[in-house]
Amino acid sequence: MLIQTSEYVDAKQRSLELGLEVPTELALLPRHFDTAEARSDLVYESSVADIRALWRAEHLVETRIDGEWAPIPYIQEKKYEWMFPPILVGAAIWSKDPYVIN
């Protein structure tokens, strides 16, 4: 397995440019953090809430770069591909025994 490393934007400088809190501890960066033209272009993935809950459970300190006063919104992308496996499994079970679903 090949692992490549590359430079990323300076999170401290980029936070200042976007009017965000400067991270001093662990921080979750929103989508488009490196390329956004304005703070309004930023969104968190829906999984960020789960990661924050896991970090709190382990007593890890997070720097919220969005601050309490104006949180960055979450985005949840629902895709139809996730429905096909349950439908196919259900159809396979039902085709063998139609009464098993009841």
N, C-alpha and C. Protein backbone atom coordinates (compact mmCIF):
# COMPACT_ATOMS: atom_id res chain seq x y z
N MET A 1 0.85 -1.17 0.00
CA MET A 1 0.00 0.00 0.00
C MET A 1 0.89 1.23 0.00
N LEU A 2 0.66 2.11 -0.95
CA LEU A 2 1.45 3.32 -1.09
C LEU A 2 0.78 4.46 -0.34
N ILE A 3 1.53 5.12 0.51
CA ILE A 3 1.02 6.27 1.25
C ILE A 3 1.78 7.50 0.78
N GLN A 4 1.04 8.52 0.40
CA GLN A 4 1.66 9.76 -0.04
C GLN A 4 1.29 10.88 0.93
N THR A 5 2.24 11.74 1.17
CA THR A 5 1.96 12.92 1.99
C THR A 5 2.13 14.16 1.13
N SER A 6 1.39 15.19 1.46
CA SER A 6 1.50 16.44 0.73
C SER A 6 1.21 17.59 1.68
N GLU A 7 1.62 18.76 1.28
CA GLU A 7 1.38 19.96 2.08
C GLU A 7 -0.09 20.32 2.04
N TYR A 8 -0.58 20.88 3.14
CA TYR A 8 -1.95 21.37 3.22
C TYR A 8 -1.87 22.84 3.63
N VAL A 9 -2.95 23.53 3.50
CA VAL A 9 -2.93 24.95 3.85
C VAL A 9 -2.63 25.13 5.33
N ASP A 10 -2.11 26.28 5.68
CA ASP A 10 -1.86 26.62 7.08
C ASP A 10 -3.21 26.87 7.74
N ALA A 11 -3.63 25.96 8.62
CA ALA A 11 -4.96 26.03 9.23
C ALA A 11 -5.14 27.31 10.04
N LYS A 12 -4.09 27.76 10.69
CA LYS A 12 -4.17 28.98 11.49
C LYS A 12 -4.44 30.19 10.58
N GLN A 13 -3.66 30.33 9.53
CA GLN A 13 -3.80 31.45 8.60
C GLN A 13 -5.14 31.39 7.87
N ARG A 14 -5.52 30.20 7.43
CA ARG A 14 -6.78 30.04 6.69
C ARG A 14 -7.98 30.36 7.57
N SER A 15 -7.92 29.97 8.84
CA SER A 15 -8.99 30.29 9.79
C SER A 15 -9.16 31.79 9.93
N LEU A 16 -8.05 32.49 10.04
CA LEU A 16 -8.10 33.95 10.15
C LEU A 16 -8.70 34.58 8.90
N GLU A 17 -8.31 34.08 7.73
CA GLU A 17 -8.84 34.60 6.47
C GLU A 17 -10.35 34.45 6.36
N LEU A 18 -10.87 33.34 6.91
CA LEU A 18 -12.30 33.05 6.81
C LEU A 18 -13.09 33.59 8.00
N GLY A 19 -12.42 34.22 8.96
CA GLY A 19 -13.11 34.76 10.13
C GLY A 19 -13.52 33.69 11.12
N LEU A 20 -12.73 32.63 11.23
CA LEU A 20 -13.03 31.53 12.13
C LEU A 20 -12.11 31.57 13.34
N GLU A 21 -12.46 30.80 14.36
CA GLU A 21 -11.59 30.65 15.52
C GLU A 21 -10.33 29.90 15.08
N VAL A 22 -9.20 30.28 15.62
CA VAL A 22 -7.93 29.61 15.29
C VAL A 22 -7.84 28.33 16.12
N PRO A 23 -7.64 27.19 15.48
CA PRO A 23 -7.55 25.94 16.23
C PRO A 23 -6.28 25.88 17.08
N THR A 24 -6.46 25.46 18.33
CA THR A 24 -5.32 25.30 19.24
C THR A 24 -5.19 23.85 19.71
N GLU A 25 -6.22 23.09 19.55
CA GLU A 25 -6.23 21.66 19.89
C GLU A 25 -6.68 20.90 18.64
N LEU A 26 -7.23 19.71 18.84
CA LEU A 26 -7.84 18.98 17.74
C LEU A 26 -8.97 19.81 17.14
N ALA A 27 -9.09 19.80 15.85
CA ALA A 27 -10.16 20.55 15.20
C ALA A 27 -10.64 19.78 13.98
N LEU A 28 -11.94 19.80 13.79
CA LEU A 28 -12.53 19.20 12.60
C LEU A 28 -12.70 20.31 11.58
N LEU A 29 -12.14 20.10 10.41
CA LEU A 29 -12.21 21.11 9.36
C LEU A 29 -13.37 20.82 8.42
N PRO A 30 -14.12 21.84 8.07
CA PRO A 30 -15.27 21.64 7.18
C PRO A 30 -14.85 21.41 5.74
N ARG A 31 -15.80 20.94 4.97
CA ARG A 31 -15.60 20.75 3.53
C ARG A 31 -15.26 22.10 2.89
N HIS A 32 -14.35 22.09 1.96
CA HIS A 32 -13.89 23.27 1.21
C HIS A 32 -13.08 24.24 2.06
N PHE A 33 -12.56 23.80 3.20
CA PHE A 33 -11.78 24.68 4.07
C PHE A 33 -10.62 25.31 3.32
N ASP A 34 -9.99 24.54 2.48
CA ASP A 34 -8.80 25.03 1.77
C ASP A 34 -9.12 25.91 0.56
N THR A 35 -10.33 25.82 0.02
CA THR A 35 -10.65 26.54 -1.22
C THR A 35 -11.80 27.54 -1.10
N ALA A 36 -12.48 27.58 0.02
CA ALA A 36 -13.65 28.45 0.16
C ALA A 36 -13.26 29.92 0.01
N GLU A 37 -14.13 30.65 -0.66
CA GLU A 37 -13.91 32.09 -0.80
C GLU A 37 -14.47 32.86 0.39
N ALA A 38 -15.47 32.29 1.04
CA ALA A 38 -16.10 32.94 2.19
C ALA A 38 -16.53 31.87 3.20
N ARG A 39 -16.77 32.30 4.41
CA ARG A 39 -17.20 31.40 5.48
C ARG A 39 -18.51 30.69 5.10
N SER A 40 -19.35 31.37 4.36
CA SER A 40 -20.64 30.81 3.97
C SER A 40 -20.52 29.62 3.01
N ASP A 41 -19.34 29.40 2.45
CA ASP A 41 -19.12 28.26 1.54
C ASP A 41 -18.79 26.98 2.29
N LEU A 42 -18.61 27.07 3.61
CA LEU A 42 -18.19 25.91 4.41
C LEU A 42 -19.38 25.11 4.90
N VAL A 43 -19.24 23.79 4.90
CA VAL A 43 -20.23 22.88 5.48
C VAL A 43 -19.48 21.72 6.12
N TYR A 44 -20.05 21.22 7.21
CA TYR A 44 -19.51 20.02 7.84
C TYR A 44 -20.20 18.79 7.28
N GLU A 45 -19.47 17.72 7.17
CA GLU A 45 -20.06 16.43 6.79
C GLU A 45 -20.98 15.99 7.95
N SER A 46 -21.99 15.22 7.65
CA SER A 46 -22.92 14.78 8.70
C SER A 46 -22.25 13.90 9.74
N SER A 47 -21.15 13.26 9.38
CA SER A 47 -20.45 12.38 10.32
C SER A 47 -19.70 13.14 11.41
N VAL A 48 -19.56 14.46 11.27
CA VAL A 48 -18.84 15.25 12.26
C VAL A 48 -19.51 15.14 13.63
N ALA A 49 -20.83 15.10 13.67
CA ALA A 49 -21.54 14.98 14.95
C ALA A 49 -21.16 13.67 15.65
N ASP A 50 -21.02 12.60 14.90
CA ASP A 50 -20.62 11.32 15.49
C ASP A 50 -19.19 11.36 16.00
N ILE A 51 -18.31 11.98 15.22
CA ILE A 51 -16.91 12.08 15.64
C ILE A 51 -16.80 12.91 16.91
N ARG A 52 -17.53 14.01 16.99
CA ARG A 52 -17.51 14.85 18.20
C ARG A 52 -18.00 14.07 19.42
N ALA A 53 -19.03 13.27 19.24
CA ALA A 53 -19.54 12.46 20.36
C ALA A 53 -18.50 11.44 20.82
N LEU A 54 -17.80 10.82 19.88
CA LEU A 54 -16.75 9.87 20.23
C LEU A 54 -15.59 10.56 20.94
N TRP A 55 -15.21 11.73 20.47
CA TRP A 55 -14.13 12.49 21.13
C TRP A 55 -14.52 12.86 22.55
N ARG A 56 -15.78 13.33 22.74
CA ARG A 56 -16.23 13.69 24.10
C ARG A 56 -16.20 12.48 25.01
N ALA A 57 -16.61 11.32 24.50
CA ALA A 57 -16.60 10.10 25.30
C ALA A 57 -15.20 9.73 25.75
N GLU A 58 -14.21 10.09 24.96
CA GLU A 58 -12.81 9.80 25.29
C GLU A 58 -12.12 10.99 25.96
N HIS A 59 -12.90 12.03 26.30
CA HIS A 59 -12.40 13.23 26.98
C HIS A 59 -11.32 13.96 26.17
N LEU A 60 -11.48 13.96 24.85
CA LEU A 60 -10.56 14.69 23.98
C LEU A 60 -11.09 16.11 23.80
N VAL A 61 -10.20 17.07 23.85
CA VAL A 61 -10.57 18.48 23.73
C VAL A 61 -10.53 18.88 22.26
N GLU A 62 -11.61 19.52 21.83
CA GLU A 62 -11.70 19.99 20.44
C GLU A 62 -11.80 21.50 20.42
N THR A 63 -11.12 22.12 19.48
CA THR A 63 -11.30 23.54 19.22
C THR A 63 -12.36 23.66 18.14
N ARG A 64 -13.49 24.25 18.47
CA ARG A 64 -14.54 24.48 17.48
C ARG A 64 -14.18 25.73 16.71
N ILE A 65 -13.84 25.56 15.44
CA ILE A 65 -13.41 26.72 14.66
C ILE A 65 -14.57 27.63 14.28
N ASP A 66 -15.81 27.10 14.35
CA ASP A 66 -16.96 27.93 13.99
C ASP A 66 -17.45 28.76 15.16
N GLY A 67 -17.11 28.40 16.37
CA GLY A 67 -17.57 29.15 17.53
C GLY A 67 -19.03 28.86 17.84
N GLU A 68 -19.46 29.28 18.99
CA GLU A 68 -20.85 29.05 19.43
C GLU A 68 -21.82 30.04 18.77
N TRP A 69 -21.34 31.19 18.37
CA TRP A 69 -22.21 32.27 17.90
C TRP A 69 -22.74 32.06 16.49
N ALA A 70 -22.01 31.34 15.64
CA ALA A 70 -22.46 31.13 14.26
C ALA A 70 -21.95 29.79 13.75
N PRO A 71 -22.61 28.71 14.14
CA PRO A 71 -22.10 27.39 13.74
C PRO A 71 -22.15 27.16 12.23
N ILE A 72 -21.17 26.43 11.76
CA ILE A 72 -21.14 26.03 10.35
C ILE A 72 -22.20 24.95 10.15
N PRO A 73 -23.02 25.05 9.11
CA PRO A 73 -24.08 24.05 8.92
C PRO A 73 -23.53 22.68 8.52
N TYR A 74 -24.35 21.67 8.76
CA TYR A 74 -24.04 20.30 8.38
C TYR A 74 -24.71 20.01 7.04
N ILE A 75 -24.09 19.11 6.28
CA ILE A 75 -24.69 18.67 5.03
C ILE A 75 -24.88 17.16 5.12
N GLN A 76 -26.04 16.71 4.72
CA GLN A 76 -26.30 15.28 4.69
C GLN A 76 -26.77 14.93 3.30
N GLU A 77 -25.97 14.16 2.63
CA GLU A 77 -26.29 13.79 1.26
C GLU A 77 -26.91 12.40 1.26
N LYS A 78 -28.16 12.35 0.92
CA LYS A 78 -28.86 11.08 0.86
C LYS A 78 -28.80 10.57 -0.56
N LYS A 79 -28.33 9.37 -0.70
CA LYS A 79 -28.19 8.80 -2.03
C LYS A 79 -29.00 7.52 -2.12
N TYR A 80 -29.53 7.28 -3.28
CA TYR A 80 -30.39 6.12 -3.48
C TYR A 80 -29.64 4.81 -3.49
N GLU A 81 -28.33 4.82 -3.71
CA GLU A 81 -27.57 3.57 -3.80
C GLU A 81 -27.68 2.75 -2.52
N TRP A 82 -27.83 3.43 -1.38
CA TRP A 82 -27.87 2.72 -0.10
C TRP A 82 -29.16 1.92 0.06
N MET A 83 -30.19 2.19 -0.71
CA MET A 83 -31.44 1.47 -0.57
C MET A 83 -31.43 0.12 -1.27
N PHE A 84 -30.60 -0.03 -2.28
CA PHE A 84 -30.63 -1.26 -3.06
C PHE A 84 -30.24 -2.51 -2.27
N PRO A 85 -29.18 -2.53 -1.48
CA PRO A 85 -28.86 -3.76 -0.74
C PRO A 85 -30.00 -4.25 0.16
N PRO A 86 -30.64 -3.38 0.98
CA PRO A 86 -31.76 -3.88 1.79
C PRO A 86 -32.92 -4.38 0.95
N ILE A 87 -33.20 -3.70 -0.17
CA ILE A 87 -34.30 -4.13 -1.03
C ILE A 87 -33.98 -5.50 -1.64
N LEU A 88 -32.75 -5.68 -2.13
CA LEU A 88 -32.38 -6.95 -2.75
C LEU A 88 -32.36 -8.08 -1.73
N VAL A 89 -31.85 -7.82 -0.53
CA VAL A 89 -31.83 -8.86 0.50
C VAL A 89 -33.26 -9.21 0.89
N GLY A 90 -34.10 -8.18 1.08
CA GLY A 90 -35.50 -8.43 1.42
C GLY A 90 -36.22 -9.22 0.35
N ALA A 91 -35.95 -8.88 -0.91
CA ALA A 91 -36.59 -9.59 -2.02
C ALA A 91 -36.12 -11.03 -2.09
N ALA A 92 -34.84 -11.28 -1.81
CA ALA A 92 -34.32 -12.64 -1.85
C ALA A 92 -34.95 -13.48 -0.75
N ILE A 93 -35.06 -12.92 0.45
CA ILE A 93 -35.68 -13.66 1.56
C ILE A 93 -37.15 -13.91 1.24
N TRP A 94 -37.84 -12.90 0.77
CA TRP A 94 -39.26 -13.02 0.49
C TRP A 94 -39.54 -14.03 -0.61
N SER A 95 -38.66 -14.11 -1.62
CA SER A 95 -38.89 -15.04 -2.71
C SER A 95 -38.79 -16.51 -2.25
N LYS A 96 -38.01 -16.76 -1.20
CA LYS A 96 -37.88 -18.13 -0.68
C LYS A 96 -39.03 -18.48 0.26
N ASP A 97 -39.45 -17.49 1.08
CA ASP A 97 -40.55 -17.74 2.01
C ASP A 97 -41.31 -16.43 2.21
N PRO A 98 -42.43 -16.24 1.51
CA PRO A 98 -43.15 -14.97 1.57
C PRO A 98 -43.69 -14.65 2.95
N TYR A 99 -43.79 -15.63 3.85
CA TYR A 99 -44.36 -15.39 5.18
C TYR A 99 -43.30 -15.01 6.21
N VAL A 100 -42.03 -15.09 5.84
CA VAL A 100 -40.96 -14.77 6.80
C VAL A 100 -40.92 -13.27 7.11
N ILE A 101 -41.33 -12.43 6.19
CA ILE A 101 -41.31 -10.98 6.40
C ILE A 101 -42.34 -10.56 7.45
N ASN A 102 -43.46 -11.24 7.51
CA ASN A 102 -44.49 -10.91 8.51
C ASN A 102 -43.95 -11.12 9.89
